[in-house]
PDB file of N, CA and C in Angstrom:
ATOM      1  N   UNK A   1    -125.327  90.396-205.742  1.00  0.00           N
ATOM      2  CA  UNK A   1    -125.163  89.378-204.553  1.00  0.00           C
ATOM      3  C   UNK A   1    -123.862  89.422-203.895  1.00  0.00           C
ATOM      4  N   UNK A   2    -122.855  89.639-204.904  1.00  0.00           N
ATOM      5  CA  UNK A   2    -121.505  89.711-204.427  1.00  0.00           C
ATOM      6  C   UNK A   2    -121.283  90.822-203.319  1.00  0.00           C
ATOM      7  N   UNK A   3    -122.070  91.971-203.567  1.00  0.00           N
ATOM      8  CA  UNK A   3    -121.935  93.170-202.810  1.00  0.00           C
ATOM      9  C   UNK A   3    -122.365  92.797-201.297  1.00  0.00           C
ATOM     10  N   UNK A   4    -123.030  91.787-201.139  1.00  0.00           N
ATOM     11  CA  UNK A   4    -123.572  91.409-199.701  1.00  0.00           C
ATOM     12  C   UNK A   4    -122.609  90.731-198.892  1.00  0.00           C
ATOM     13  N   UNK A   5    -121.475  90.180-199.636  1.00  0.00           N
ATOM     14  CA  UNK A   5    -120.530  89.380-198.892  1.00  0.00           C
ATOM     15  C   UNK A   5    -119.557  90.332-198.077  1.00  0.00           C
ATOM     16  N   UNK A   6    -118.921  89.814-196.949  1.00  0.00           N
ATOM     17  CA  UNK A   6    -118.074  90.656-196.276  1.00  0.00           C
ATOM     18  C   UNK A   6    -116.612  90.138-196.758  1.00  0.00           C
ATOM     19  N   UNK A   7    -115.555  90.763-196.265  1.00  0.00           N
ATOM     20  CA  UNK A   7    -114.311  90.692-196.839  1.00  0.00           C
ATOM     21  C   UNK A   7    -113.816  89.156-196.628  1.00  0.00           C
ATOM     22  N   UNK A   8    -114.202  88.425-195.590  1.00  0.00           N
ATOM     23  CA  UNK A   8    -113.723  87.245-195.264  1.00  0.00           C
ATOM     24  C   UNK A   8    -114.321  86.277-196.395  1.00  0.00           C
ATOM     25  N   UNK A   9    -115.649  86.406-196.603  1.00  0.00           N
ATOM     26  CA  UNK A   9    -116.377  85.627-197.565  1.00  0.00           C
ATOM     27  C   UNK A   9    -115.855  85.749-199.112  1.00  0.00           C
ATOM     28  N   UNK A  10    -115.616  87.085-199.331  1.00  0.00           N
ATOM     29  CA  UNK A  10    -115.094  87.390-200.528  1.00  0.00           C
ATOM     30  C   UNK A  10    -113.624  86.621-201.050  1.00  0.00           C
ATOM     31  N   UNK A  11    -112.901  86.676-199.855  1.00  0.00           N
ATOM     32  CA  UNK A  11    -111.529  85.819-199.928  1.00  0.00           C
ATOM     33  C   UNK A  11    -111.721  84.572-200.199  1.00  0.00           C
ATOM     34  N   UNK A  12    -112.679  83.895-199.518  1.00  0.00           N
ATOM     35  CA  UNK A  12    -113.035  82.341-199.663  1.00  0.00           C
ATOM     36  C   UNK A  12    -113.538  82.240-201.107  1.00  0.00           C
ATOM     37  N   UNK A  13    -114.480  82.918-201.710  1.00  0.00           N
ATOM     38  CA  UNK A  13    -114.795  82.897-202.993  1.00  0.00           C
ATOM     39  C   UNK A  13    -113.745  83.100-203.974  1.00  0.00           C
ATOM     40  N   UNK A  14    -112.794  83.942-203.762  1.00  0.00           N
ATOM     41  CA  UNK A  14    -111.743  84.303-204.602  1.00  0.00           C
ATOM     42  C   UNK A  14    -110.756  83.135-204.744  1.00  0.00           C
ATOM     43  N   UNK A  15    -110.714  82.430-203.555  1.00  0.00           N
ATOM     44  CA  UNK A  15    -109.456  81.385-203.525  1.00  0.00           C
ATOM     45  C   UNK A  15    -110.307  80.217-204.326  1.00  0.00           C
ATOM     46  N   UNK A  16    -111.532  79.860-204.165  1.00  0.00           N
ATOM     47  CA  UNK A  16    -112.147  78.816-204.932  1.00  0.00           C
ATOM     48  C   UNK A  16    -112.185  78.898-206.335  1.00  0.00           C
ATOM     49  N   UNK A  17    -112.299  80.090-206.794  1.00  0.00           N
ATOM     50  CA  UNK A  17    -112.335  80.515-208.312  1.00  0.00           C
ATOM     51  C   UNK A  17    -110.769  80.201-208.763  1.00  0.00           C
ATOM     52  N   UNK A  18    -109.945  80.505-208.011  1.00  0.00           N
ATOM     53  CA  UNK A  18    -108.535  80.467-208.465  1.00  0.00           C
ATOM     54  C   UNK A  18    -108.198  78.929-208.569  1.00  0.00           C
ATOM     55  N   UNK A  19    -108.654  78.230-207.430  1.00  0.00           N
ATOM     56  CA  UNK A  19    -108.237  76.709-207.407  1.00  0.00           C
ATOM     57  C   UNK A  19    -108.940  76.045-208.485  1.00  0.00           C
ATOM     58  N   UNK A  20    -110.100  76.486-209.076  1.00  0.00           N
ATOM     59  CA  UNK A  20    -110.754  75.710-210.009  1.00  0.00           C
ATOM     60  C   UNK A  20    -110.367  76.085-211.446  1.00  0.00           C
ATOM     61  N   UNK A  21    -109.720  77.254-211.649  1.00  0.00           N
ATOM     62  CA  UNK A  21    -109.253  77.811-212.828  1.00  0.00           C
ATOM     63  C   UNK A  21    -108.163  76.825-213.595  1.00  0.00           C
ATOM     64  N   UNK A  22    -108.054  77.013-214.896  1.00  0.00           N
ATOM     65  CA  UNK A  22    -107.174  76.133-215.645  1.00  0.00           C
ATOM     66  C   UNK A  22    -105.891  77.020-215.915  1.00  0.00           C
ATOM     67  N   UNK A  23    -104.815  76.361-215.997  1.00  0.00           N
ATOM     68  CA  UNK A  23    -103.385  76.773-216.196  1.00  0.00           C
ATOM     69  C   UNK A  23    -103.302  76.933-217.666  1.00  0.00           C
ATOM     70  N   UNK A  24    -103.202  78.144-218.344  1.00  0.00           N
ATOM     71  CA  UNK A  24    -103.210  78.369-219.681  1.00  0.00           C
ATOM     72  C   UNK A  24    -101.772  77.820-220.340  1.00  0.00           C
ATOM     73  N   UNK A  25    -100.708  77.893-219.612  1.00  0.00           N
ATOM     74  CA  UNK A  25     -99.357  77.535-219.920  1.00  0.00           C
ATOM     75  C   UNK A  25     -99.501  75.943-220.161  1.00  0.00           C
ATOM     76  N   UNK A  26    -100.199  75.359-219.157  1.00  0.00           N
ATOM     77  CA  UNK A  26    -100.146  73.715-219.306  1.00  0.00           C
ATOM     78  C   UNK A  26    -100.998  73.547-220.566  1.00  0.00           C
ATOM     79  N   UNK A  27    -102.038  74.297-220.821  1.00  0.00           N
ATOM     80  CA  UNK A  27    -102.951  74.005-222.059  1.00  0.00           C
ATOM     81  C   UNK A  27    -102.066  74.107-223.135  1.00  0.00           C
ATOM     82  N   UNK A  28    -101.308  75.207-223.298  1.00  0.00           N
ATOM     83  CA  UNK A  28    -100.375  75.337-224.479  1.00  0.00           C
ATOM     84  C   UNK A  28     -99.458  74.204-224.633  1.00  0.00           C
ATOM     85  N   UNK A  29     -98.790  73.796-223.597  1.00  0.00           N
ATOM     86  CA  UNK A  29     -97.850  72.612-223.657  1.00  0.00           C
ATOM     87  C   UNK A  29     -98.675  71.358-224.037  1.00  0.00           C
ATOM     88  N   UNK A  30     -99.771  71.046-223.614  1.00  0.00           N
ATOM     89  CA  UNK A  30    -100.401  69.965-224.119  1.00  0.00           C
ATOM     90  C   UNK A  30    -100.959  70.092-225.557  1.00  0.00           C
ATOM     91  N   UNK A  31    -101.276  71.370-225.994  1.00  0.00           N
ATOM     92  CA  UNK A  31    -101.429  71.379-227.359  1.00  0.00           C
ATOM     93  C   UNK A  31    -100.384  71.220-228.297  1.00  0.00           C
ATOM     94  N   UNK A  32     -99.111  71.606-227.760  1.00  0.00           N
ATOM     95  CA  UNK A  32     -97.842  71.413-228.534  1.00  0.00           C
ATOM     96  C   UNK A  32     -97.492  69.971-228.621  1.00  0.00           C
ATOM     97  N   UNK A  33     -97.694  69.267-227.570  1.00  0.00           N
ATOM     98  CA  UNK A  33     -97.301  67.727-227.745  1.00  0.00           C
ATOM     99  C   UNK A  33     -98.459  66.907-227.992  1.00  0.00           C
ATOM    100  N   UNK A  34     -99.557  67.084-227.576  1.00  0.00           N
ATOM    101  CA  UNK A  34    -100.813  66.293-227.939  1.00  0.00           C
ATOM    102  C   UNK A  34    -101.989  66.844-228.646  1.00  0.00           C
ATOM    103  N   UNK A  35    -101.564  67.969-229.469  1.00  0.00           N
ATOM    104  CA  UNK A  35    -102.640  68.809-230.136  1.00  0.00           C
ATOM    105  C   UNK A  35    -103.248  67.704-231.145  1.00  0.00           C
ATOM    106  N   UNK A  36    -102.552  67.023-231.826  1.00  0.00           N
ATOM    107  CA  UNK A  36    -103.210  66.066-232.723  1.00  0.00           C
ATOM    108  C   UNK A  36    -104.245  65.043-232.269  1.00  0.00           C
ATOM    109  N   UNK A  37    -104.075  64.823-230.797  1.00  0.00           N
ATOM    110  CA  UNK A  37    -104.872  63.814-230.137  1.00  0.00           C
ATOM    111  C   UNK A  37    -106.082  64.596-229.335  1.00  0.00           C
ATOM    112  N   UNK A  38    -105.904  66.005-229.425  1.00  0.00           N
ATOM    113  CA  UNK A  38    -106.881  66.842-228.488  1.00  0.00           C
ATOM    114  C   UNK A  38    -106.660  66.851-227.214  1.00  0.00           C
ATOM    115  N   UNK A  39    -105.369  66.643-226.662  1.00  0.00           N
ATOM    116  CA  UNK A  39    -105.051  66.769-225.262  1.00  0.00           C
ATOM    117  C   UNK A  39    -105.402  68.055-224.631  1.00  0.00           C
ATOM    118  N   UNK A  40    -105.215  68.967-225.286  1.00  0.00           N
ATOM    119  CA  UNK A  40    -105.541  70.327-224.562  1.00  0.00           C
ATOM    120  C   UNK A  40    -106.983  70.598-224.539  1.00  0.00           C
ATOM    121  N   UNK A  41    -107.648  69.949-225.488  1.00  0.00           N
ATOM    122  CA  UNK A  41    -109.197  70.184-225.441  1.00  0.00           C
ATOM    123  C   UNK A  41    -109.799  69.364-224.393  1.00  0.00           C
ATOM    124  N   UNK A  42    -109.330  68.165-223.966  1.00  0.00           N
ATOM    125  CA  UNK A  42    -109.722  67.437-222.696  1.00  0.00           C
ATOM    126  C   UNK A  42    -109.441  68.251-221.538  1.00  0.00           C
ATOM    127  N   UNK A  43    -108.214  68.791-221.510  1.00  0.00           N
ATOM    128  CA  UNK A  43    -108.003  69.461-220.200  1.00  0.00           C
ATOM    129  C   UNK A  43    -108.823  70.671-220.050  1.00  0.00           C
ATOM    130  N   UNK A  44    -109.250  71.290-221.082  1.00  0.00           N
ATOM    131  CA  UNK A  44    -110.081  72.533-220.942  1.00  0.00           C
ATOM    132  C   UNK A  44    -111.659  71.962-220.904  1.00  0.00           C
ATOM    133  N   UNK A  45    -111.759  70.866-220.801  1.00  0.00           N
ATOM    134  CA  UNK A  45    -113.131  70.106-220.477  1.00  0.00           C
ATOM    135  C   UNK A  45    -113.934  70.653-221.827  1.00  0.00           C
ATOM    136  N   UNK A  46    -113.433  70.572-223.050  1.00  0.00           N
ATOM    137  CA  UNK A  46    -114.177  70.695-224.298  1.00  0.00           C
ATOM    138  C   UNK A  46    -114.190  69.234-224.946  1.00  0.00           C
ATOM    139  N   UNK A  47    -114.891  68.282-224.316  1.00  0.00           N
ATOM    140  CA  UNK A  47    -114.587  66.924-224.817  1.00  0.00           C
ATOM    141  C   UNK A  47    -115.263  66.777-226.114  1.00  0.00           C
ATOM    142  N   UNK A  48    -116.349  67.411-226.369  1.00  0.00           N
ATOM    143  CA  UNK A  48    -116.910  67.250-227.701  1.00  0.00           C
ATOM    144  C   UNK A  48    -116.160  67.643-228.791  1.00  0.00           C
ATOM    145  N   UNK A  49    -115.359  68.657-228.837  1.00  0.00           N
ATOM    146  CA  UNK A  49    -114.576  68.907-229.851  1.00  0.00           C
ATOM    147  C   UNK A  49    -113.232  68.324-229.736  1.00  0.00           C
ATOM    148  N   UNK A  50    -112.845  67.713-228.559  1.00  0.00           N
ATOM    149  CA  UNK A  50    -111.656  66.854-228.339  1.00  0.00           C
ATOM    150  C   UNK A  50    -111.783  65.448-229.266  1.00  0.00           C
ATOM    151  N   UNK A  51    -113.023  65.126-229.059  1.00  0.00           N
ATOM    152  CA  UNK A  51    -113.304  63.678-229.773  1.00  0.00           C
ATOM    153  C   UNK A  51    -113.518  63.842-231.271  1.00  0.00           C
ATOM    154  N   UNK A  52    -114.044  64.999-231.634  1.00  0.00           N
ATOM    155  CA  UNK A  52    -114.197  65.288-233.077  1.00  0.00           C
ATOM    156  C   UNK A  52    -112.979  65.526-233.747  1.00  0.00           C
TER     157      UNK A  52
END
């Protein structure tokens, strides 16, 4: 399906994926300071393991 897109459409898709991505450095900072509370798990949208 991706091969059917032109260059402009590929750039739009790429920018959307980057905007929705998570920052791993921030996840590690949250783990360091809020690891006992599961702060990094909430940030990565893993709420089940964050609550556990």
